[in-house]
Amino acid sequence: MNHLDHPLRPITDFLDYLIEEHGHYLYIGCVYVGLAVILWILVRPRRPRRTEVGPVTIVILPWGPPPKRDPPPIDSPFDDPL
């Protein structure tokens, strides 16, 4: 019986070899790509900000649990014979 990872074995073997033999180059490449992404985020042109402000709604909620209330009576669709 073959294991479930049998079709992926060549790919994982290749990735293991690649990391084992060239891992330091992959690491340095990822560092440079990461620095480039960070610089792009910081230097990219930004969209102009909207100056108009729409209506603001402020909701004030009380602290603590809500007050205790009796539940409303449930109206039955059937007539009560009692």
PDB file of N, CA and C in Angstrom:
ATOM      1  N   MET A   1       0.843  -1.186   0.000  1.00  0.00           N
ATOM      2  CA  MET A   1       0.000   0.000   0.000  1.00  0.00           C
ATOM      3  C   MET A   1       0.887   1.248   0.000  1.00  0.00           C
ATOM      4  N   ASN A   2       0.567   2.162  -0.864  1.00  0.00           N
ATOM      5  CA  ASN A   2       1.327   3.405  -0.946  1.00  0.00           C
ATOM      6  C   ASN A   2       0.810   4.402   0.072  1.00  0.00           C
ATOM      7  N   HIS A   3       1.733   5.191   0.580  1.00  0.00           N
ATOM      8  CA  HIS A   3       1.318   6.249   1.493  1.00  0.00           C
ATOM      9  C   HIS A   3       0.701   7.394   0.702  1.00  0.00           C
ATOM     10  N   LEU A   4      -0.008   8.250   1.419  1.00  0.00           N
ATOM     11  CA  LEU A   4      -0.684   9.363   0.752  1.00  0.00           C
ATOM     12  C   LEU A   4       0.292  10.383   0.193  1.00  0.00           C
ATOM     13  N   ASP A   5       1.513  10.449   0.735  1.00  0.00           N
ATOM     14  CA  ASP A   5       2.470  11.423   0.240  1.00  0.00           C
ATOM     15  C   ASP A   5       3.299  10.885  -0.930  1.00  0.00           C
ATOM     16  N   HIS A   6       2.978   9.709  -1.420  1.00  0.00           N
ATOM     17  CA  HIS A   6       3.757   9.118  -2.506  1.00  0.00           C
ATOM     18  C   HIS A   6       3.793  10.005  -3.760  1.00  0.00           C
ATOM     19  N   PRO A   7       2.682  10.595  -4.215  1.00  0.00           N
ATOM     20  CA  PRO A   7       2.772  11.462  -5.406  1.00  0.00           C
ATOM     21  C   PRO A   7       3.588  12.732  -5.169  1.00  0.00           C
ATOM     22  N   LEU A   8       3.692  13.158  -3.927  1.00  0.00           N
ATOM     23  CA  LEU A   8       4.422  14.398  -3.635  1.00  0.00           C
ATOM     24  C   LEU A   8       5.885  14.151  -3.280  1.00  0.00           C
ATOM     25  N   ARG A   9       6.304  12.906  -3.225  1.00  0.00           N
ATOM     26  CA  ARG A   9       7.662  12.586  -2.800  1.00  0.00           C
ATOM     27  C   ARG A   9       8.734  13.257  -3.661  1.00  0.00           C
ATOM     28  N   PRO A  10       8.642  13.264  -5.003  1.00  0.00           N
ATOM     29  CA  PRO A  10       9.693  13.946  -5.782  1.00  0.00           C
ATOM     30  C   PRO A  10       9.774  15.442  -5.500  1.00  0.00           C
ATOM     31  N   ILE A  11       8.631  16.055  -5.275  1.00  0.00           N
ATOM     32  CA  ILE A  11       8.622  17.501  -5.006  1.00  0.00           C
ATOM     33  C   ILE A  11       9.263  17.790  -3.653  1.00  0.00           C
ATOM     34  N   THR A  12       8.893  17.016  -2.630  1.00  0.00           N
ATOM     35  CA  THR A  12       9.465  17.258  -1.309  1.00  0.00           C
ATOM     36  C   THR A  12      10.949  16.918  -1.285  1.00  0.00           C
ATOM     37  N   ASP A  13      11.363  15.884  -2.026  1.00  0.00           N
ATOM     38  CA  ASP A  13      12.792  15.568  -2.097  1.00  0.00           C
ATOM     39  C   ASP A  13      13.569  16.707  -2.755  1.00  0.00           C
ATOM     40  N   PHE A  14      13.001  17.281  -3.820  1.00  0.00           N
ATOM     41  CA  PHE A  14      13.662  18.399  -4.486  1.00  0.00           C
ATOM     42  C   PHE A  14      13.755  19.614  -3.563  1.00  0.00           C
ATOM     43  N   LEU A  15      12.666  19.907  -2.841  1.00  0.00           N
ATOM     44  CA  LEU A  15      12.687  21.062  -1.931  1.00  0.00           C
ATOM     45  C   LEU A  15      13.665  20.837  -0.781  1.00  0.00           C
ATOM     46  N   ASP A  16      13.734  19.603  -0.271  1.00  0.00           N
ATOM     47  CA  ASP A  16      14.707  19.301   0.772  1.00  0.00           C
ATOM     48  C   ASP A  16      16.134  19.516   0.269  1.00  0.00           C
ATOM     49  N   TYR A  17      16.416  19.032  -0.945  1.00  0.00           N
ATOM     50  CA  TYR A  17      17.745  19.219  -1.532  1.00  0.00           C
ATOM     51  C   TYR A  17      18.040  20.706  -1.733  1.00  0.00           C
ATOM     52  N   LEU A  18      17.040  21.439  -2.250  1.00  0.00           N
ATOM     53  CA  LEU A  18      17.237  22.864  -2.531  1.00  0.00           C
ATOM     54  C   LEU A  18      17.545  23.631  -1.249  1.00  0.00           C
ATOM     55  N   ILE A  19      16.814  23.341  -0.187  1.00  0.00           N
ATOM     56  CA  ILE A  19      17.043  24.045   1.079  1.00  0.00           C
ATOM     57  C   ILE A  19      18.371  23.620   1.694  1.00  0.00           C
ATOM     58  N   GLU A  20      18.694  22.337   1.588  1.00  0.00           N
ATOM     59  CA  GLU A  20      19.936  21.844   2.184  1.00  0.00           C
ATOM     60  C   GLU A  20      21.173  22.410   1.492  1.00  0.00           C
ATOM     61  N   GLU A  21      21.134  22.475   0.177  1.00  0.00           N
ATOM     62  CA  GLU A  21      22.319  22.914  -0.566  1.00  0.00           C
ATOM     63  C   GLU A  21      22.369  24.420  -0.797  1.00  0.00           C
ATOM     64  N   HIS A  22      21.210  25.059  -0.947  1.00  0.00           N
ATOM     65  CA  HIS A  22      21.178  26.481  -1.316  1.00  0.00           C
ATOM     66  C   HIS A  22      20.319  27.307  -0.366  1.00  0.00           C
ATOM     67  N   GLY A  23      20.155  26.847   0.867  1.00  0.00           N
ATOM     68  CA  GLY A  23      19.299  27.540   1.825  1.00  0.00           C
ATOM     69  C   GLY A  23      19.764  28.928   2.165  1.00  0.00           C
ATOM     70  N   HIS A  24      21.082  29.108   2.248  1.00  0.00           N
ATOM     71  CA  HIS A  24      21.590  30.435   2.603  1.00  0.00           C
ATOM     72  C   HIS A  24      21.314  31.442   1.490  1.00  0.00           C
ATOM     73  N   TYR A  25      21.374  30.997   0.224  1.00  0.00           N
ATOM     74  CA  TYR A  25      21.032  31.910  -0.875  1.00  0.00           C
ATOM     75  C   TYR A  25      19.533  32.234  -0.873  1.00  0.00           C
ATOM     76  N   LEU A  26      18.721  31.241  -0.568  1.00  0.00           N
ATOM     77  CA  LEU A  26      17.276  31.483  -0.481  1.00  0.00           C
ATOM     78  C   LEU A  26      16.961  32.459   0.646  1.00  0.00           C
ATOM     79  N   TYR A  27      17.652  32.307   1.771  1.00  0.00           N
ATOM     80  CA  TYR A  27      17.429  33.203   2.903  1.00  0.00           C
ATOM     81  C   TYR A  27      17.792  34.644   2.534  1.00  0.00           C
ATOM     82  N   ILE A  28      18.968  34.846   1.952  1.00  0.00           N
ATOM     83  CA  ILE A  28      19.397  36.196   1.572  1.00  0.00           C
ATOM     84  C   ILE A  28      18.449  36.780   0.533  1.00  0.00           C
ATOM     85  N   GLY A  29      17.985  35.948  -0.403  1.00  0.00           N
ATOM     86  CA  GLY A  29      17.025  36.424  -1.399  1.00  0.00           C
ATOM     87  C   GLY A  29      15.725  36.873  -0.760  1.00  0.00           C
ATOM     88  N   CYS A  30      15.246  36.103   0.219  1.00  0.00           N
ATOM     89  CA  CYS A  30      14.005  36.489   0.915  1.00  0.00           C
ATOM     90  C   CYS A  30      14.199  37.773   1.707  1.00  0.00           C
ATOM     91  N   VAL A  31      15.381  37.954   2.289  1.00  0.00           N
ATOM     92  CA  VAL A  31      15.653  39.195   3.032  1.00  0.00           C
ATOM     93  C   VAL A  31      15.594  40.389   2.087  1.00  0.00           C
ATOM     94  N   TYR A  32      16.239  40.275   0.911  1.00  0.00           N
ATOM     95  CA  TYR A  32      16.226  41.393  -0.043  1.00  0.00           C
ATOM     96  C   TYR A  32      14.820  41.662  -0.580  1.00  0.00           C
ATOM     97  N   VAL A  33      14.067  40.610  -0.845  1.00  0.00           N
ATOM     98  CA  VAL A  33      12.694  40.806  -1.317  1.00  0.00           C
ATOM     99  C   VAL A  33      11.861  41.460  -0.227  1.00  0.00           C
ATOM    100  N   GLY A  34      12.061  41.043   1.030  1.00  0.00           N
ATOM    101  CA  GLY A  34      11.333  41.661   2.138  1.00  0.00           C
ATOM    102  C   GLY A  34      11.659  43.127   2.303  1.00  0.00           C
ATOM    103  N   LEU A  35      12.948  43.464   2.187  1.00  0.00           N
ATOM    104  CA  LEU A  35      13.329  44.881   2.270  1.00  0.00           C
ATOM    105  C   LEU A  35      12.731  45.689   1.128  1.00  0.00           C
ATOM    106  N   ALA A  36      12.714  45.109  -0.070  1.00  0.00           N
ATOM    107  CA  ALA A  36      12.117  45.816  -1.208  1.00  0.00           C
ATOM    108  C   ALA A  36      10.623  46.040  -0.988  1.00  0.00           C
ATOM    109  N   VAL A  37       9.929  45.055  -0.431  1.00  0.00           N
ATOM    110  CA  VAL A  37       8.489  45.213  -0.170  1.00  0.00           C
ATOM    111  C   VAL A  37       8.258  46.289   0.882  1.00  0.00           C
ATOM    112  N   ILE A  38       9.077  46.299   1.934  1.00  0.00           N
ATOM    113  CA  ILE A  38       8.931  47.322   2.974  1.00  0.00           C
ATOM    114  C   ILE A  38       9.179  48.715   2.394  1.00  0.00           C
ATOM    115  N   LEU A  39      10.207  48.863   1.586  1.00  0.00           N
ATOM    116  CA  LEU A  39      10.469  50.162   0.955  1.00  0.00           C
ATOM    117  C   LEU A  39       9.344  50.569   0.020  1.00  0.00           C
ATOM    118  N   TRP A  40       8.808  49.622  -0.731  1.00  0.00           N
ATOM    119  CA  TRP A  40       7.691  49.933  -1.630  1.00  0.00           C
ATOM    120  C   TRP A  40       6.480  50.412  -0.836  1.00  0.00           C
ATOM    121  N   ILE A  41       6.208  49.772   0.307  1.00  0.00           N
ATOM    122  CA  ILE A  41       5.066  50.187   1.128  1.00  0.00           C
ATOM    123  C   ILE A  41       5.279  51.599   1.664  1.00  0.00           C
ATOM    124  N   LEU A  42       6.507  51.912   2.076  1.00  0.00           N
ATOM    125  CA  LEU A  42       6.764  53.227   2.658  1.00  0.00           C
ATOM    126  C   LEU A  42       6.849  54.343   1.620  1.00  0.00           C
ATOM    127  N   VAL A  43       7.261  54.049   0.395  1.00  0.00           N
ATOM    128  CA  VAL A  43       7.535  55.092  -0.583  1.00  0.00           C
ATOM    129  C   VAL A  43       6.432  55.217  -1.636  1.00  0.00           C
ATOM    130  N   ARG A  44       5.534  54.260  -1.725  1.00  0.00           N
ATOM    131  CA  ARG A  44       4.523  54.272  -2.790  1.00  0.00           C
ATOM    132  C   ARG A  44       3.660  55.530  -2.716  1.00  0.00           C
ATOM    133  N   PRO A  45       3.152  55.979  -3.847  1.00  0.00           N
ATOM    134  CA  PRO A  45       2.255  57.144  -3.824  1.00  0.00           C
ATOM    135  C   PRO A  45       0.933  56.771  -3.165  1.00  0.00           C
ATOM    136  N   ARG A  46       0.478  57.662  -2.350  1.00  0.00           N
ATOM    137  CA  ARG A  46      -0.750  57.382  -1.613  1.00  0.00           C
ATOM    138  C   ARG A  46      -1.927  58.077  -2.282  1.00  0.00           C
ATOM    139  N   ARG A  47      -3.079  57.493  -2.091  1.00  0.00           N
ATOM    140  CA  ARG A  47      -4.303  58.119  -2.603  1.00  0.00           C
ATOM    141  C   ARG A  47      -4.605  59.373  -1.787  1.00  0.00           C
ATOM    142  N   PRO A  48      -5.140  60.407  -2.429  1.00  0.00           N
ATOM    143  CA  PRO A  48      -5.473  61.610  -1.655  1.00  0.00           C
ATOM    144  C   PRO A  48      -6.569  61.298  -0.633  1.00  0.00           C
ATOM    145  N   ARG A  49      -6.423  61.890   0.502  1.00  0.00           N
ATOM    146  CA  ARG A  49      -7.410  61.666   1.568  1.00  0.00           C
ATOM    147  C   ARG A  49      -8.661  62.502   1.296  1.00  0.00           C
ATOM    148  N   ARG A  50      -9.790  61.950   1.688  1.00  0.00           N
ATOM    149  CA  ARG A  50     -11.033  62.700   1.557  1.00  0.00           C
ATOM    150  C   ARG A  50     -11.084  63.761   2.650  1.00  0.00           C
ATOM    151  N   THR A  51     -11.494  64.959   2.276  1.00  0.00           N
ATOM    152  CA  THR A  51     -11.560  66.028   3.264  1.00  0.00           C
ATOM    153  C   THR A  51     -12.951  66.157   3.865  1.00  0.00           C
ATOM    154  N   GLU A  52     -13.956  65.649   3.188  1.00  0.00           N
ATOM    155  CA  GLU A  52     -15.303  65.773   3.720  1.00  0.00           C
ATOM    156  C   GLU A  52     -15.546  64.693   4.771  1.00  0.00           C
ATOM    157  N   VAL A  53     -16.283  65.077   5.792  1.00  0.00           N
ATOM    158  CA  VAL A  53     -16.609  64.157   6.868  1.00  0.00           C
ATOM    159  C   VAL A  53     -18.116  63.983   6.883  1.00  0.00           C
ATOM    160  N   GLY A  54     -18.540  62.736   6.868  1.00  0.00           N
ATOM    161  CA  GLY A  54     -19.970  62.457   6.880  1.00  0.00           C
ATOM    162  C   GLY A  54     -20.534  62.574   8.284  1.00  0.00           C
ATOM    163  N   PRO A  55     -21.813  62.280   8.429  1.00  0.00           N
ATOM    164  CA  PRO A  55     -22.428  62.356   9.755  1.00  0.00           C
ATOM    165  C   PRO A  55     -21.825  61.310  10.692  1.00  0.00           C
ATOM    166  N   VAL A  56     -21.666  61.718  11.935  1.00  0.00           N
ATOM    167  CA  VAL A  56     -21.073  60.849  12.944  1.00  0.00           C
ATOM    168  C   VAL A  56     -22.149  60.474  13.943  1.00  0.00           C
ATOM    169  N   THR A  57     -22.263  59.192  14.218  1.00  0.00           N
ATOM    170  CA  THR A  57     -23.230  58.705  15.198  1.00  0.00           C
ATOM    171  C   THR A  57     -22.478  58.196  16.406  1.00  0.00           C
ATOM    172  N   ILE A  58     -22.858  58.665  17.577  1.00  0.00           N
ATOM    173  CA  ILE A  58     -22.228  58.229  18.812  1.00  0.00           C
ATOM    174  C   ILE A  58     -23.254  57.422  19.587  1.00  0.00           C
ATOM    175  N   VAL A  59     -22.863  56.218  19.956  1.00  0.00           N
ATOM    176  CA  VAL A  59     -23.743  55.340  20.725  1.00  0.00           C
ATOM    177  C   VAL A  59     -23.132  55.169  22.100  1.00  0.00           C
ATOM    178  N   ILE A  60     -23.909  55.490  23.143  1.00  0.00           N
ATOM    179  CA  ILE A  60     -23.433  55.343  24.509  1.00  0.00           C
ATOM    180  C   ILE A  60     -24.153  54.146  25.116  1.00  0.00           C
ATOM    181  N   LEU A  61     -23.378  53.165  25.519  1.00  0.00           N
ATOM    182  CA  LEU A  61     -23.942  51.961  26.108  1.00  0.00           C
ATOM    183  C   LEU A  61     -23.701  51.973  27.612  1.00  0.00           C
ATOM    184  N   PRO A  62     -24.680  51.515  28.402  1.00  0.00           N
ATOM    185  CA  PRO A  62     -24.483  51.492  29.854  1.00  0.00           C
ATOM    186  C   PRO A  62     -23.523  50.373  30.253  1.00  0.00           C
ATOM    187  N   TRP A  63     -22.826  50.586  31.365  1.00  0.00           N
ATOM    188  CA  TRP A  63     -21.947  49.565  31.910  1.00  0.00           C
ATOM    189  C   TRP A  63     -22.773  48.591  32.735  1.00  0.00           C
ATOM    190  N   GLY A  64     -22.358  47.373  32.791  1.00  0.00           N
ATOM    191  CA  GLY A  64     -23.011  46.380  33.635  1.00  0.00           C
ATOM    192  C   GLY A  64     -24.086  45.617  32.886  1.00  0.00           C
ATOM    193  N   PRO A  65     -24.676  44.661  33.574  1.00  0.00           N
ATOM    194  CA  PRO A  65     -25.701  43.840  32.924  1.00  0.00           C
ATOM    195  C   PRO A  65     -27.004  44.617  32.741  1.00  0.00           C
ATOM    196  N   PRO A  66     -27.825  44.206  31.804  1.00  0.00           N
ATOM    197  CA  PRO A  66     -29.105  44.891  31.608  1.00  0.00           C
ATOM    198  C   PRO A  66     -30.049  44.601  32.767  1.00  0.00           C
ATOM    199  N   PRO A  67     -31.044  45.460  32.984  1.00  0.00           N
ATOM    200  CA  PRO A  67     -31.985  45.215  34.081  1.00  0.00           C
ATOM    201  C   PRO A  67     -32.820  43.965  33.810  1.00  0.00           C
ATOM    202  N   LYS A  68     -33.220  43.303  34.911  1.00  0.00           N
ATOM    203  CA  LYS A  68     -34.021  42.093  34.796  1.00  0.00           C
ATOM    204  C   LYS A  68     -35.455  42.460  34.419  1.00  0.00           C
ATOM    205  N   ARG A  69     -36.000  41.732  33.454  1.00  0.00           N
ATOM    206  CA  ARG A  69     -37.381  41.947  33.023  1.00  0.00           C
ATOM    207  C   ARG A  69     -38.069  40.604  32.898  1.00  0.00           C
ATOM    208  N   ASP A  70     -39.371  40.600  33.123  1.00  0.00           N
ATOM    209  CA  ASP A  70     -40.141  39.381  32.899  1.00  0.00           C
ATOM    210  C   ASP A  70     -40.334  39.210  31.401  1.00  0.00           C
ATOM    211  N   PRO A  71     -40.236  37.963  30.922  1.00  0.00           N
ATOM    212  CA  PRO A  71     -40.442  37.767  29.488  1.00  0.00           C
ATOM    213  C   PRO A  71     -41.887  38.040  29.104  1.00  0.00           C
ATOM    214  N   PRO A  72     -42.115  38.528  27.906  1.00  0.00           N
ATOM    215  CA  PRO A  72     -43.502  38.787  27.492  1.00  0.00           C
ATOM    216  C   PRO A  72     -44.249  37.464  27.353  1.00  0.00           C
ATOM    217  N   PRO A  73     -45.562  37.496  27.601  1.00  0.00           N
ATOM    218  CA  PRO A  73     -46.337  36.254  27.474  1.00  0.00           C
ATOM    219  C   PRO A  73     -46.370  35.792  26.015  1.00  0.00           C
ATOM    220  N   ILE A  74     -46.371  34.484  25.855  1.00  0.00           N
ATOM    221  CA  ILE A  74     -46.401  33.912  24.515  1.00  0.00           C
ATOM    222  C   ILE A  74     -47.862  33.644  24.141  1.00  0.00           C
ATOM    223  N   ASP A  75     -48.304  34.247  23.062  1.00  0.00           N
ATOM    224  CA  ASP A  75     -49.672  34.035  22.591  1.00  0.00           C
ATOM    225  C   ASP A  75     -49.727  32.708  21.838  1.00  0.00           C
ATOM    226  N   SER A  76     -50.617  31.855  22.265  1.00  0.00           N
ATOM    227  CA  SER A  76     -50.765  30.555  21.640  1.00  0.00           C
ATOM    228  C   SER A  76     -51.752  30.661  20.482  1.00  0.00           C
ATOM    229  N   PRO A  77     -51.475  29.999  19.364  1.00  0.00           N
ATOM    230  CA  PRO A  77     -52.427  30.031  18.250  1.00  0.00           C
ATOM    231  C   PRO A  77     -53.654  29.156  18.519  1.00  0.00           C
ATOM    232  N   PHE A  78     -53.601  28.359  19.571  1.00  0.00           N
ATOM    233  CA  PHE A  78     -54.718  27.464  19.896  1.00  0.00           C
ATOM    234  C   PHE A  78     -55.483  28.031  21.080  1.00  0.00           C
ATOM    235  N   ASP A  79     -56.760  27.761  21.153  1.00  0.00           N
ATOM    236  CA  ASP A  79     -57.580  28.209  22.284  1.00  0.00           C
ATOM    237  C   ASP A  79     -57.240  27.354  23.500  1.00  0.00           C
ATOM    238  N   ASP A  80     -57.157  28.012  24.662  1.00  0.00           N
ATOM    239  CA  ASP A  80     -56.863  27.302  25.908  1.00  0.00           C
ATOM    240  C   ASP A  80     -58.165  26.725  26.466  1.00  0.00           C
ATOM    241  N   PRO A  81     -58.287  25.407  26.531  1.00  0.00           N
ATOM    242  CA  PRO A  81     -59.564  24.839  27.000  1.00  0.00           C
ATOM    243  C   PRO A  81     -59.745  24.984  28.505  1.00  0.00           C
ATOM    244  N   LEU A  82     -58.743  25.357  29.253  1.00  0.00           N
ATOM    245  CA  LEU A  82     -58.887  25.431  30.706  1.00  0.00           C
ATOM    246  C   LEU A  82     -59.359  26.743  31.127  1.00  0.00           C
TER     247      LEU A  82
END
